[in-house]
C-alpha atoms as a PDB file:
ATOM      1  CA  MET A   1       1.136  18.821   3.723  1.00  0.00           C
ATOM      2  CA  ARG A   2      -0.414  15.605   4.989  1.00  0.00           C
ATOM      3  CA  ALA A   3       0.416  12.454   3.063  1.00  0.00           C
ATOM      4  CA  ASN A   4      -3.241  11.732   2.282  1.00  0.00           C
ATOM      5  CA  ARG A   5      -3.359  15.006   0.306  1.00  0.00           C
ATOM      6  CA  ALA A   6      -0.181  14.238  -1.653  1.00  0.00           C
ATOM      7  CA  TYR A   7      -0.652  10.512  -2.343  1.00  0.00           C
ATOM      8  CA  ARG A   8      -3.445   8.144  -3.309  1.00  0.00           C
ATOM      9  CA  LEU A   9      -3.707   4.400  -2.643  1.00  0.00           C
ATOM     10  CA  ILE A  10      -4.727   2.095  -5.489  1.00  0.00           C
ATOM     11  CA  VAL A  11      -5.497  -1.516  -4.616  1.00  0.00           C
ATOM     12  CA  SER A  12      -5.984  -4.201  -7.277  1.00  0.00           C
ATOM     13  CA  ARG A  13      -7.167  -7.548  -6.005  1.00  0.00           C
ATOM     14  CA  ALA A  14      -6.660 -10.597  -8.226  1.00  0.00           C
ATOM     15  CA  GLY A  15      -9.897 -12.192  -7.010  1.00  0.00           C
ATOM     16  CA  ILE A  16     -13.201 -11.436  -5.342  1.00  0.00           C
ATOM     17  CA  GLU A  17     -12.649 -13.568  -2.246  1.00  0.00           C
ATOM     18  CA  PRO A  18     -11.774 -11.923   1.062  1.00  0.00           C
ATOM     19  CA  ALA A  19      -8.150 -12.278   2.178  1.00  0.00           C
ATOM     20  CA  PHE A  20      -8.818 -15.092   4.655  1.00  0.00           C
ATOM     21  CA  LEU A  21     -10.441 -17.240   1.934  1.00  0.00           C
ATOM     22  CA  ALA A  22      -8.097 -16.325  -0.923  1.00  0.00           C
ATOM     23  CA  ASP A  23      -5.796 -18.764  -2.682  1.00  0.00           C
ATOM     24  CA  VAL A  24      -2.192 -18.463  -1.466  1.00  0.00           C
ATOM     25  CA  LYS A  25      -1.023 -18.102  -5.078  1.00  0.00           C
ATOM     26  CA  ARG A  26      -3.102 -14.955  -5.595  1.00  0.00           C
ATOM     27  CA  GLN A  27      -1.165 -11.700  -5.804  1.00  0.00           C
ATOM     28  CA  ASP A  28      -2.805  -8.400  -4.831  1.00  0.00           C
ATOM     29  CA  ARG A  29      -1.193  -5.159  -5.992  1.00  0.00           C
ATOM     30  CA  ILE A  30      -0.878  -2.012  -3.905  1.00  0.00           C
ATOM     31  CA  GLU A  31       0.275   1.260  -5.444  1.00  0.00           C
ATOM     32  CA  VAL A  32       0.913   4.621  -3.849  1.00  0.00           C
ATOM     33  CA  VAL A  33       0.461   7.268  -6.546  1.00  0.00           C
ATOM     34  CA  SER A  34       1.449  10.920  -6.406  1.00  0.00           C
ATOM     35  CA  VAL A  35      -1.590  13.178  -6.845  1.00  0.00           C
ATOM     36  CA  GLU A  36       0.559  15.939  -8.314  1.00  0.00           C
ATOM     37  CA  ASP A  37       1.944  14.071 -11.318  1.00  0.00           C
ATOM     38  CA  GLY A  38       0.160  10.699 -11.348  1.00  0.00           C
ATOM     39  CA  GLU A  39       3.395   8.714 -11.047  1.00  0.00           C
ATOM     40  CA  VAL A  40       3.603   5.505  -9.025  1.00  0.00           C
ATOM     41  CA  VAL A  41       5.823   6.220  -6.027  1.00  0.00           C
ATOM     42  CA  LEU A  42       5.563   2.880  -4.188  1.00  0.00           C
ATOM     43  CA  TYR A  43       4.445  -0.537  -5.450  1.00  0.00           C
ATOM     44  CA  TRP A  44       3.926  -3.953  -3.860  1.00  0.00           C
ATOM     45  CA  ALA A  45       2.601  -7.251  -5.262  1.00  0.00           C
ATOM     46  CA  VAL A  46       1.880  -9.452  -2.256  1.00  0.00           C
ATOM     47  CA  GLU A  47      -0.314 -12.299  -1.052  1.00  0.00           C
ATOM     48  CA  PRO A  48      -3.824 -11.294   0.097  1.00  0.00           C
ATOM     49  CA  LYS A  49      -3.347 -11.661   3.858  1.00  0.00           C
ATOM     50  CA  LEU A  50      -0.198  -9.572   3.765  1.00  0.00           C
ATOM     51  CA  ALA A  51      -1.900  -7.029   1.506  1.00  0.00           C
ATOM     52  CA  SER A  52      -4.693  -6.441   4.026  1.00  0.00           C
ATOM     53  CA  ARG A  53      -2.191  -5.813   6.845  1.00  0.00           C
ATOM     54  CA  LEU A  54      -0.058  -3.581   4.637  1.00  0.00           C
ATOM     55  CA  LEU A  55      -3.112  -1.557   3.588  1.00  0.00           C
ATOM     56  CA  LYS A  56      -4.076  -0.970   7.198  1.00  0.00           C
ATOM     57  CA  GLU A  57      -0.586   0.360   8.005  1.00  0.00           C
ATOM     58  CA  LEU A  58      -0.442   2.516   4.870  1.00  0.00           C
ATOM     59  CA  ARG A  59      -3.864   4.053   5.534  1.00  0.00           C
ATOM     60  CA  GLU A  60      -2.906   4.920   9.118  1.00  0.00           C
ATOM     61  CA  ASP A  61       0.329   6.545   7.992  1.00  0.00           C
ATOM     62  CA  LEU A  62      -1.351   8.476   5.180  1.00  0.00           C
ATOM     63  CA  VAL A  63      -3.589  10.161   7.738  1.00  0.00           C
ATOM     64  CA  THR A  64      -1.033  10.780  10.480  1.00  0.00           C
ATOM     65  CA  LEU A  65       2.256  11.576   8.691  1.00  0.00           C
ATOM     66  CA  GLU A  66       3.439  14.453   6.564  1.00  0.00           C
ATOM     67  CA  ALA A  67       4.110  13.610   2.897  1.00  0.00           C
ATOM     68  CA  ALA A  68       7.915  13.641   3.228  1.00  0.00           C
ATOM     69  CA  ASP A  69       7.835  11.556   6.412  1.00  0.00           C
ATOM     70  CA  PHE A  70       5.509   9.030   4.772  1.00  0.00           C
ATOM     71  CA  ILE A  71       7.857   8.511   1.829  1.00  0.00           C
ATOM     72  CA  ASP A  72      10.894   8.342   4.115  1.00  0.00           C
ATOM     73  CA  LYS A  73       9.231   5.603   6.151  1.00  0.00           C
ATOM     74  CA  TRP A  74       7.999   3.474   3.232  1.00  0.00           C
ATOM     75  CA  ILE A  75      10.638   3.937   0.536  1.00  0.00           C
ATOM     76  CA  GLY A  76      12.554   0.691   0.164  1.00  0.00           C
ATOM     77  CA  ALA A  77      10.207  -1.151   2.542  1.00  0.00           C
ATOM     78  CA  ASP A  78       9.862  -4.816   1.681  1.00  0.00           C
ATOM     79  CA  ALA A  79       6.354  -5.960   2.619  1.00  0.00           C
ATOM     80  CA  GLU A  80       7.445  -9.477   3.561  1.00  0.00           C
ATOM     81  CA  ASP A  81       9.904  -8.066   6.125  1.00  0.00           C
ATOM     82  CA  LEU A  82       7.334  -5.759   7.711  1.00  0.00           C
ATOM     83  CA  PHE A  83       5.069  -8.411   9.212  1.00  0.00           C
END
């Protein structure tokens, strides 16, 4: 099963400004939630510019990878080390 059928992305922005105008102290939250049981599988709280890059990568992988491969790739991933 494709990852986009098994997981859902939830993004919570701490402000209304776009990432390039956002305050560096702002923290955006990204959650990957299992559709089957509603549990949060992956969670990041990162600065806005990093959040936008992370979202792009996550969305690409949700579409292209199988559910197990997606989790294997992202489990334990530290967002600051990715970019």
